[in-house]
Every structure is written in C-alpha cells, then in structure tokens.
Amino acid sequence: MGGGLGIALTADIRIASDDAQFGVPAARLSIAYDRLNLNNLVALVGPSKAKEILITAKRYSGTEAERMGLVNACVPVSKLEIAISDITDRIAENAPLSMKASKLTINELMKDDTAYNSAMVEELTRDCFDSSDYQEGQEAFLNKRKPIFKGL
C-alpha cells in the first residue's frame, strides 16, 4: 500500500500471493507522488489504470494486480516460496553481463529519444560479445550442457 507499493514498483520482477492487496491511498490523504514513483506506475499499468489507482484509492487483489500488469504473477500463498525459488534459480543460471545489458537497455528504451543513451547500449552489447561468458555460452550450447557463467 502507498509507499510500500512505490518500493515494489522499483523491482524488476514482482510476484504476489493471492492474499496480497495493493493500492495507493494518496487521494484519501491529500498526498501527491513524485515523478519517479508515477513514472514507475505508469510504465507498468499505463496512464488510464494509473489514474484509476490514484484517483479512486481502491485496494486491488493480487489477481487484479497481475491482470493490470502491476505484478508479474499472482500465485497461491502456499506456492509463493516455490514460485520465487523458480525465478531466482533461473536468474542464477544466466549470464550476468547479458542480464545487465537487457535491464539497462530496457530502462533506456523507456526514455524519450533525446535522453536515450545509445553509446551505453552499444557498449553493453559489445561487452557481452567480447566476454568469456559469451564463449562459455556458445561452447555449452554446442556441447549440450549447462553453461557456467562468471560475469567476465
């Protein structure tokens, strides 16, 4: 709720249990949120849904939050730990440089054209291809084995 949701919006991936509740009670408290928090909300749910969330101060279930894109997934509370472990295990198996490049490039794509840092995106791409992790990924694929990435 409120500030807690603002913190959650900064996460790359959000998983909720089916008993979770989400909302922003700002309209009930005469609070206005800053650009960063509103940008995060609008980027996830779009301007129309963001206005609904802020103007109505309604509480949403985990299922509703998933439907609108506020969370990536909503799972039964009894399966929350398993769902989170599945995601973190998948992340742990992947190439750090590639994940970094993907995250930062997506962040750049969310900016307007004048703020987009194409030099940084090109450098991130080059760093991936020039890395020993790239070689490891290629060799693992050809040899049908799991790669062991080191972030180098």
N, C-alpha and C. Protein backbone atom coordinates (compact mmCIF):
# COMPACT_ATOMS: atom_id res chain seq x y z
N MET A 1 0.84 -1.18 0.00
CA MET A 1 0.00 0.00 0.00
C MET A 1 0.89 1.25 0.00
N GLY A 2 0.52 2.22 -0.76
CA GLY A 2 1.20 3.50 -0.76
C GLY A 2 2.69 3.42 -1.01
N GLY A 3 3.47 3.87 -0.02
CA GLY A 3 4.92 3.88 -0.14
C GLY A 3 5.51 2.50 -0.34
N GLY A 4 4.91 1.49 0.28
CA GLY A 4 5.38 0.12 0.09
C GLY A 4 5.23 -0.32 -1.35
N LEU A 5 4.12 0.07 -1.97
CA LEU A 5 3.92 -0.24 -3.38
C LEU A 5 4.95 0.52 -4.22
N GLY A 6 5.23 1.75 -3.82
CA GLY A 6 6.25 2.53 -4.53
C GLY A 6 7.59 1.82 -4.54
N ILE A 7 7.96 1.22 -3.42
CA ILE A 7 9.21 0.46 -3.34
C ILE A 7 9.12 -0.77 -4.24
N ALA A 8 8.00 -1.47 -4.19
CA ALA A 8 7.83 -2.67 -5.02
C ALA A 8 7.92 -2.33 -6.50
N LEU A 9 7.45 -1.16 -6.89
CA LEU A 9 7.48 -0.76 -8.30
C LEU A 9 8.89 -0.62 -8.84
N THR A 10 9.87 -0.47 -7.96
CA THR A 10 11.26 -0.34 -8.42
C THR A 10 11.90 -1.69 -8.69
N ALA A 11 11.23 -2.77 -8.28
CA ALA A 11 11.77 -4.11 -8.51
C ALA A 11 11.60 -4.49 -9.98
N ASP A 12 12.51 -5.31 -10.47
CA ASP A 12 12.43 -5.77 -11.85
C ASP A 12 11.33 -6.80 -12.05
N ILE A 13 11.11 -7.61 -11.05
CA ILE A 13 10.10 -8.67 -11.11
C ILE A 13 9.34 -8.67 -9.79
N ARG A 14 8.03 -8.71 -9.86
CA ARG A 14 7.19 -8.71 -8.67
C ARG A 14 6.28 -9.92 -8.70
N ILE A 15 6.33 -10.75 -7.66
CA ILE A 15 5.46 -11.91 -7.52
C ILE A 15 4.61 -11.67 -6.28
N ALA A 16 3.31 -11.87 -6.40
CA ALA A 16 2.39 -11.65 -5.28
C ALA A 16 1.68 -12.93 -4.92
N SER A 17 1.31 -13.03 -3.67
CA SER A 17 0.46 -14.14 -3.25
C SER A 17 -0.99 -13.73 -3.47
N ASP A 18 -1.87 -14.70 -3.56
CA ASP A 18 -3.27 -14.40 -3.84
C ASP A 18 -3.98 -13.68 -2.70
N ASP A 19 -3.35 -13.59 -1.54
CA ASP A 19 -3.96 -12.84 -0.44
C ASP A 19 -3.39 -11.42 -0.33
N ALA A 20 -2.51 -11.03 -1.26
CA ALA A 20 -1.91 -9.69 -1.24
C ALA A 20 -2.94 -8.63 -1.63
N GLN A 21 -2.70 -7.43 -1.14
CA GLN A 21 -3.52 -6.28 -1.51
C GLN A 21 -2.61 -5.14 -1.93
N PHE A 22 -3.04 -4.43 -2.95
CA PHE A 22 -2.26 -3.32 -3.49
C PHE A 22 -3.14 -2.09 -3.59
N GLY A 23 -2.55 -0.95 -3.38
CA GLY A 23 -3.30 0.29 -3.53
C GLY A 23 -2.44 1.47 -3.18
N VAL A 24 -2.94 2.64 -3.55
CA VAL A 24 -2.28 3.90 -3.22
C VAL A 24 -3.35 4.81 -2.63
N PRO A 25 -3.34 4.99 -1.31
CA PRO A 25 -4.38 5.79 -0.66
C PRO A 25 -4.11 7.30 -0.70
N ALA A 26 -3.29 7.75 -1.62
CA ALA A 26 -2.89 9.16 -1.68
C ALA A 26 -4.09 10.11 -1.71
N ALA A 27 -5.11 9.77 -2.49
CA ALA A 27 -6.27 10.66 -2.61
C ALA A 27 -7.02 10.79 -1.29
N ARG A 28 -6.90 9.80 -0.41
CA ARG A 28 -7.55 9.87 0.90
C ARG A 28 -6.72 10.64 1.92
N LEU A 29 -5.46 10.92 1.56
CA LEU A 29 -4.54 11.57 2.48
C LEU A 29 -4.07 12.93 1.98
N SER A 30 -4.56 13.35 0.82
CA SER A 30 -4.13 14.59 0.17
C SER A 30 -2.62 14.60 -0.07
N ILE A 31 -2.15 13.47 -0.64
CA ILE A 31 -0.73 13.33 -0.97
C ILE A 31 -0.58 13.29 -2.49
N ALA A 32 0.46 13.91 -2.99
CA ALA A 32 0.82 13.81 -4.41
C ALA A 32 2.18 13.13 -4.49
N TYR A 33 2.29 12.18 -5.40
CA TYR A 33 3.55 11.45 -5.55
C TYR A 33 4.45 12.12 -6.58
N ASP A 34 5.74 11.88 -6.43
CA ASP A 34 6.73 12.48 -7.30
C ASP A 34 6.81 11.79 -8.66
N ARG A 35 7.57 12.40 -9.53
CA ARG A 35 7.70 11.93 -10.91
C ARG A 35 8.21 10.49 -10.99
N LEU A 36 9.22 10.15 -10.20
CA LEU A 36 9.81 8.81 -10.26
C LEU A 36 8.77 7.75 -9.94
N ASN A 37 8.05 7.91 -8.83
CA ASN A 37 7.04 6.93 -8.46
C ASN A 37 5.92 6.85 -9.49
N LEU A 38 5.49 7.98 -10.00
CA LEU A 38 4.42 7.96 -11.00
C LEU A 38 4.90 7.38 -12.32
N ASN A 39 6.13 7.66 -12.69
CA ASN A 39 6.71 7.07 -13.91
C ASN A 39 6.70 5.55 -13.81
N ASN A 40 7.14 5.03 -12.67
CA ASN A 40 7.17 3.57 -12.48
C ASN A 40 5.77 2.98 -12.60
N LEU A 41 4.80 3.61 -11.99
CA LEU A 41 3.43 3.12 -12.03
C LEU A 41 2.87 3.17 -13.45
N VAL A 42 3.02 4.30 -14.11
CA VAL A 42 2.50 4.45 -15.48
C VAL A 42 3.20 3.48 -16.44
N ALA A 43 4.50 3.28 -16.27
CA ALA A 43 5.23 2.36 -17.14
C ALA A 43 4.69 0.94 -17.02
N LEU A 44 4.23 0.56 -15.85
CA LEU A 44 3.72 -0.80 -15.64
C LEU A 44 2.28 -0.98 -16.07
N VAL A 45 1.42 -0.04 -15.72
CA VAL A 45 -0.02 -0.27 -15.93
C VAL A 45 -0.64 0.66 -16.97
N GLY A 46 0.08 1.66 -17.43
CA GLY A 46 -0.45 2.61 -18.39
C GLY A 46 -1.11 3.79 -17.69
N PRO A 47 -1.31 4.88 -18.42
CA PRO A 47 -1.84 6.10 -17.79
C PRO A 47 -3.27 5.98 -17.28
N SER A 48 -4.13 5.29 -18.00
CA SER A 48 -5.52 5.19 -17.59
C SER A 48 -5.66 4.41 -16.28
N LYS A 49 -5.00 3.25 -16.18
CA LYS A 49 -5.07 2.44 -14.97
C LYS A 49 -4.37 3.17 -13.82
N ALA A 50 -3.26 3.85 -14.10
CA ALA A 50 -2.56 4.61 -13.06
C ALA A 50 -3.48 5.68 -12.47
N LYS A 51 -4.21 6.36 -13.33
CA LYS A 51 -5.16 7.37 -12.84
C LYS A 51 -6.23 6.72 -11.98
N GLU A 52 -6.73 5.58 -12.43
CA GLU A 52 -7.75 4.86 -11.64
C GLU A 52 -7.20 4.51 -10.25
N ILE A 53 -6.01 3.96 -10.21
CA ILE A 53 -5.40 3.56 -8.94
C ILE A 53 -5.25 4.76 -8.00
N LEU A 54 -4.76 5.87 -8.54
CA LEU A 54 -4.50 7.05 -7.72
C LEU A 54 -5.77 7.82 -7.35
N ILE A 55 -6.69 7.96 -8.29
CA ILE A 55 -7.88 8.79 -8.04
C ILE A 55 -8.93 8.06 -7.20
N THR A 56 -9.06 6.75 -7.35
CA THR A 56 -10.06 6.02 -6.57
C THR A 56 -9.54 5.56 -5.21
N ALA A 57 -8.22 5.43 -5.07
CA ALA A 57 -7.60 4.90 -3.85
C ALA A 57 -8.12 3.50 -3.51
N LYS A 58 -8.57 2.77 -4.53
CA LYS A 58 -9.11 1.42 -4.36
C LYS A 58 -7.99 0.44 -3.99
N ARG A 59 -8.36 -0.59 -3.24
CA ARG A 59 -7.45 -1.70 -2.97
C ARG A 59 -7.70 -2.79 -4.01
N TYR A 60 -6.61 -3.35 -4.52
CA TYR A 60 -6.69 -4.38 -5.55
C TYR A 60 -6.13 -5.68 -5.00
N SER A 61 -6.73 -6.79 -5.40
CA SER A 61 -6.24 -8.11 -5.01
C SER A 61 -4.99 -8.44 -5.84
N GLY A 62 -4.29 -9.49 -5.42
CA GLY A 62 -3.14 -9.95 -6.17
C GLY A 62 -3.51 -10.33 -7.59
N THR A 63 -4.67 -10.96 -7.75
CA THR A 63 -5.14 -11.36 -9.08
C THR A 63 -5.41 -10.14 -9.95
N GLU A 64 -6.05 -9.12 -9.38
CA GLU A 64 -6.29 -7.88 -10.14
C GLU A 64 -4.98 -7.19 -10.48
N ALA A 65 -4.04 -7.21 -9.55
CA ALA A 65 -2.74 -6.59 -9.79
C ALA A 65 -2.00 -7.28 -10.93
N GLU A 66 -2.12 -8.60 -11.00
CA GLU A 66 -1.49 -9.33 -12.11
C GLU A 66 -2.17 -8.98 -13.43
N ARG A 67 -3.47 -8.93 -13.42
CA ARG A 67 -4.23 -8.66 -14.63
C ARG A 67 -3.86 -7.30 -15.23
N MET A 68 -3.60 -6.32 -14.38
CA MET A 68 -3.28 -4.97 -14.88
C MET A 68 -1.80 -4.76 -15.12
N GLY A 69 -0.96 -5.75 -14.77
CA GLY A 69 0.48 -5.62 -15.00
C GLY A 69 1.25 -5.03 -13.84
N LEU A 70 0.60 -4.86 -12.71
CA LEU A 70 1.27 -4.31 -11.54
C LEU A 70 2.25 -5.32 -10.95
N VAL A 71 1.91 -6.60 -11.06
CA VAL A 71 2.82 -7.68 -10.66
C VAL A 71 2.96 -8.64 -11.83
N ASN A 72 4.07 -9.35 -11.87
CA ASN A 72 4.32 -10.30 -12.95
C ASN A 72 3.46 -11.55 -12.82
N ALA A 73 3.23 -11.97 -11.58
CA ALA A 73 2.45 -13.18 -11.34
C ALA A 73 1.81 -13.12 -9.97
N CYS A 74 0.69 -13.80 -9.87
CA CYS A 74 -0.01 -13.97 -8.60
C CYS A 74 -0.18 -15.47 -8.40
N VAL A 75 0.28 -15.97 -7.27
CA VAL A 75 0.23 -17.41 -7.00
C VAL A 75 -0.42 -17.64 -5.64
N PRO A 76 -0.95 -18.83 -5.42
CA PRO A 76 -1.48 -19.14 -4.09
C PRO A 76 -0.39 -18.96 -3.03
N VAL A 77 -0.76 -18.46 -1.88
CA VAL A 77 0.21 -18.19 -0.83
C VAL A 77 1.03 -19.44 -0.50
N SER A 78 0.42 -20.61 -0.61
CA SER A 78 1.13 -21.86 -0.31
C SER A 78 2.21 -22.17 -1.35
N LYS A 79 2.16 -21.54 -2.51
CA LYS A 79 3.14 -21.80 -3.57
C LYS A 79 4.07 -20.61 -3.83
N LEU A 80 3.97 -19.58 -3.00
CA LEU A 80 4.76 -18.37 -3.21
C LEU A 80 6.26 -18.65 -3.14
N GLU A 81 6.70 -19.36 -2.12
CA GLU A 81 8.13 -19.65 -1.97
C GLU A 81 8.66 -20.46 -3.15
N ILE A 82 7.89 -21.41 -3.63
CA ILE A 82 8.29 -22.23 -4.77
C ILE A 82 8.40 -21.36 -6.03
N ALA A 83 7.42 -20.49 -6.22
CA ALA A 83 7.42 -19.61 -7.40
C ALA A 83 8.63 -18.68 -7.39
N ILE A 84 8.94 -18.14 -6.24
CA ILE A 84 10.08 -17.24 -6.13
C ILE A 84 11.39 -18.01 -6.32
N SER A 85 11.49 -19.20 -5.75
CA SER A 85 12.69 -20.02 -5.93
C SER A 85 12.90 -20.37 -7.40
N ASP A 86 11.82 -20.66 -8.10
CA ASP A 86 11.93 -20.98 -9.51
C ASP A 86 12.53 -19.81 -10.29
N ILE A 87 12.06 -18.62 -10.02
CA ILE A 87 12.57 -17.44 -10.72
C ILE A 87 14.02 -17.17 -10.34
N THR A 88 14.33 -17.20 -9.05
CA THR A 88 15.70 -16.90 -8.64
C THR A 88 16.68 -17.96 -9.13
N ASP A 89 16.25 -19.22 -9.17
CA ASP A 89 17.11 -20.26 -9.73
C ASP A 89 17.39 -20.02 -11.21
N ARG A 90 16.36 -19.64 -11.95
CA ARG A 90 16.54 -19.35 -13.38
C ARG A 90 17.50 -18.18 -13.58
N ILE A 91 17.33 -17.13 -12.78
CA ILE A 91 18.20 -15.96 -12.89
C ILE A 91 19.64 -16.35 -12.58
N ALA A 92 19.83 -17.15 -11.54
CA ALA A 92 21.19 -17.54 -11.12
C ALA A 92 21.93 -18.34 -12.19
N GLU A 93 21.20 -18.99 -13.09
CA GLU A 93 21.82 -19.79 -14.15
C GLU A 93 22.23 -18.96 -15.37
N ASN A 94 21.82 -17.72 -15.43
CA ASN A 94 22.03 -16.92 -16.64
C ASN A 94 23.27 -16.04 -16.55
N ALA A 95 23.67 -15.53 -17.71
CA ALA A 95 24.88 -14.71 -17.82
C ALA A 95 24.66 -13.32 -17.24
N PRO A 96 25.43 -12.95 -16.22
CA PRO A 96 25.26 -11.65 -15.58
C PRO A 96 25.37 -10.46 -16.54
N LEU A 97 26.35 -10.51 -17.45
CA LEU A 97 26.53 -9.38 -18.37
C LEU A 97 25.33 -9.23 -19.29
N SER A 98 24.76 -10.34 -19.73
CA SER A 98 23.59 -10.31 -20.61
C SER A 98 22.38 -9.76 -19.87
N MET A 99 22.18 -10.22 -18.64
CA MET A 99 21.04 -9.72 -17.86
C MET A 99 21.19 -8.23 -17.58
N LYS A 100 22.41 -7.79 -17.25
CA LYS A 100 22.66 -6.37 -17.02
C LYS A 100 22.35 -5.57 -18.28
N ALA A 101 22.83 -6.06 -19.42
CA ALA A 101 22.59 -5.35 -20.68
C ALA A 101 21.09 -5.27 -20.98
N SER A 102 20.38 -6.36 -20.76
CA SER A 102 18.93 -6.36 -21.02
C SER A 102 18.22 -5.36 -20.13
N LYS A 103 18.51 -5.40 -18.85
CA LYS A 103 17.85 -4.50 -17.91
C LYS A 103 18.12 -3.03 -18.25
N LEU A 104 19.39 -2.70 -18.44
CA LEU A 104 19.73 -1.30 -18.70
C LEU A 104 19.22 -0.83 -20.06
N THR A 105 19.23 -1.70 -21.06
CA THR A 105 18.71 -1.32 -22.37
C THR A 105 17.21 -1.09 -22.31
N ILE A 106 16.49 -1.95 -21.60
CA ILE A 106 15.04 -1.74 -21.44
C ILE A 106 14.79 -0.42 -20.71
N ASN A 107 15.58 -0.13 -19.68
CA ASN A 107 15.43 1.16 -18.99
C ASN A 107 15.65 2.33 -19.95
N GLU A 108 16.63 2.20 -20.84
CA GLU A 108 16.89 3.26 -21.82
C GLU A 108 15.72 3.39 -22.81
N LEU A 109 15.14 2.27 -23.20
CA LEU A 109 14.01 2.31 -24.14
C LEU A 109 12.80 3.03 -23.56
N MET A 110 12.71 3.09 -22.25
CA MET A 110 11.59 3.76 -21.60
C MET A 110 11.75 5.28 -21.60
N LYS A 111 12.93 5.76 -21.97
CA LYS A 111 13.20 7.19 -22.01
C LYS A 111 12.79 7.75 -23.38
N ASP A 112 12.62 9.07 -23.44
CA ASP A 112 12.36 9.65 -24.76
C ASP A 112 13.65 9.66 -25.57
N ASP A 113 13.52 9.85 -26.86
CA ASP A 113 14.66 9.73 -27.77
C ASP A 113 15.82 10.65 -27.41
N THR A 114 15.54 11.82 -26.87
CA THR A 114 16.62 12.76 -26.56
C THR A 114 17.45 12.31 -25.35
N ALA A 115 16.88 11.48 -24.49
CA ALA A 115 17.59 11.02 -23.29
C ALA A 115 18.20 9.63 -23.49
N TYR A 116 17.84 8.95 -24.57
CA TYR A 116 18.32 7.59 -24.83
C TYR A 116 19.83 7.59 -25.03
N ASN A 117 20.53 6.74 -24.28
CA ASN A 117 21.99 6.68 -24.33
C ASN A 117 22.42 5.52 -25.24
N SER A 118 22.48 5.77 -26.53
CA SER A 118 22.81 4.71 -27.48
C SER A 118 24.25 4.24 -27.31
N ALA A 119 25.15 5.12 -26.91
CA ALA A 119 26.55 4.72 -26.71
C ALA A 119 26.65 3.69 -25.58
N MET A 120 25.91 3.88 -24.51
CA MET A 120 25.93 2.93 -23.41
C MET A 120 25.36 1.58 -23.85
N VAL A 121 24.27 1.62 -24.59
CA VAL A 121 23.64 0.38 -25.06
C VAL A 121 24.60 -0.38 -25.98
N GLU A 122 25.26 0.34 -26.87
CA GLU A 122 26.23 -0.30 -27.76
C GLU A 122 27.39 -0.90 -26.97
N GLU A 123 27.85 -0.20 -25.94
CA GLU A 123 28.94 -0.70 -25.11
C GLU A 123 28.51 -1.96 -24.35
N LEU A 124 27.30 -1.97 -23.83
CA LEU A 124 26.79 -3.15 -23.12
C LEU A 124 26.73 -4.36 -24.06
N THR A 125 26.28 -4.12 -25.28
CA THR A 125 26.20 -5.19 -26.27
C THR A 125 27.59 -5.72 -26.61
N ARG A 126 28.50 -4.81 -26.83
CA ARG A 126 29.88 -5.18 -27.15
C ARG A 126 30.52 -5.95 -25.99
N ASP A 127 30.28 -5.48 -24.77
CA ASP A 127 30.83 -6.17 -23.59
C ASP A 127 30.38 -7.62 -23.52
N CYS A 128 29.13 -7.87 -23.88
CA CYS A 128 28.62 -9.25 -23.87
C CYS A 128 29.36 -10.10 -24.89
N PHE A 129 29.44 -9.61 -26.12
CA PHE A 129 30.08 -10.38 -27.18
C PHE A 129 31.57 -10.57 -26.97
N ASP A 130 32.20 -9.62 -26.26
CA ASP A 130 33.65 -9.70 -26.01
C ASP A 130 33.99 -10.48 -24.74
N SER A 131 32.98 -10.99 -24.05
CA SER A 131 33.22 -11.63 -22.75
C SER A 131 33.56 -13.11 -22.87
N SER A 132 34.21 -13.61 -21.82
CA SER A 132 34.45 -15.05 -21.76
C SER A 132 33.13 -15.79 -21.53
N ASP A 133 32.15 -15.11 -20.94
CA ASP A 133 30.84 -15.73 -20.77
C ASP A 133 30.18 -16.02 -22.12
N TYR A 134 30.41 -15.16 -23.11
CA TYR A 134 29.88 -15.40 -24.45
C TYR A 134 30.47 -16.70 -25.00
N GLN A 135 31.77 -16.85 -24.86
CA GLN A 135 32.43 -18.07 -25.32
C GLN A 135 31.88 -19.29 -24.58
N GLU A 136 31.72 -19.15 -23.27
CA GLU A 136 31.19 -20.25 -22.46
C GLU A 136 29.77 -20.62 -22.91
N GLY A 137 28.96 -19.63 -23.18
CA GLY A 137 27.59 -19.89 -23.63
C GLY A 137 27.56 -20.62 -24.95
N GLN A 138 28.41 -20.22 -25.87
CA GLN A 138 28.47 -20.87 -27.17
C GLN A 138 28.95 -22.32 -27.04
N GLU A 139 30.01 -22.52 -26.26
CA GLU A 139 30.54 -23.88 -26.07
C GLU A 139 29.53 -24.78 -25.37
N ALA A 140 28.87 -24.26 -24.35
CA ALA A 140 27.87 -25.05 -23.62
C ALA A 140 26.72 -25.44 -24.55
N PHE A 141 26.29 -24.51 -25.38
CA PHE A 141 25.20 -24.80 -26.32
C PHE A 141 25.61 -25.90 -27.29
N LEU A 142 26.79 -25.77 -27.87
CA LEU A 142 27.28 -26.76 -28.84
C LEU A 142 27.48 -28.14 -28.21
N ASN A 143 27.88 -28.15 -26.94
CA ASN A 143 28.13 -29.41 -26.23
C ASN A 143 26.92 -29.89 -25.43
N LYS A 144 25.80 -29.20 -25.59
CA LYS A 144 24.54 -29.58 -24.93
C LYS A 144 24.71 -29.76 -23.41
N ARG A 145 25.32 -28.75 -22.80
CA ARG A 145 25.49 -28.75 -21.35
C ARG A 145 25.09 -27.39 -20.81
N LYS A 146 24.88 -27.30 -19.50
CA LYS A 146 24.56 -26.02 -18.88
C LYS A 146 25.82 -25.17 -18.84
N PRO A 147 25.70 -23.91 -19.19
CA PRO A 147 26.86 -23.03 -19.10
C PRO A 147 27.14 -22.66 -17.63
N ILE A 148 28.38 -22.33 -17.39
CA ILE A 148 28.80 -21.83 -16.07
C ILE A 148 29.35 -20.43 -16.31
N PHE A 149 28.52 -19.43 -15.99
CA PHE A 149 28.89 -18.04 -16.24
C PHE A 149 29.60 -17.44 -15.03
N LYS A 150 30.52 -16.52 -15.31
CA LYS A 150 31.29 -15.88 -14.26
C LYS A 150 31.16 -14.37 -14.27
N GLY A 151 30.44 -13.83 -15.24
CA GLY A 151 30.30 -12.37 -15.31
C GLY A 151 31.53 -11.69 -15.85
N LEU A 152 32.31 -12.44 -16.63
CA LEU A 152 33.56 -11.90 -17.20
C LEU A 152 33.55 -12.00 -18.71
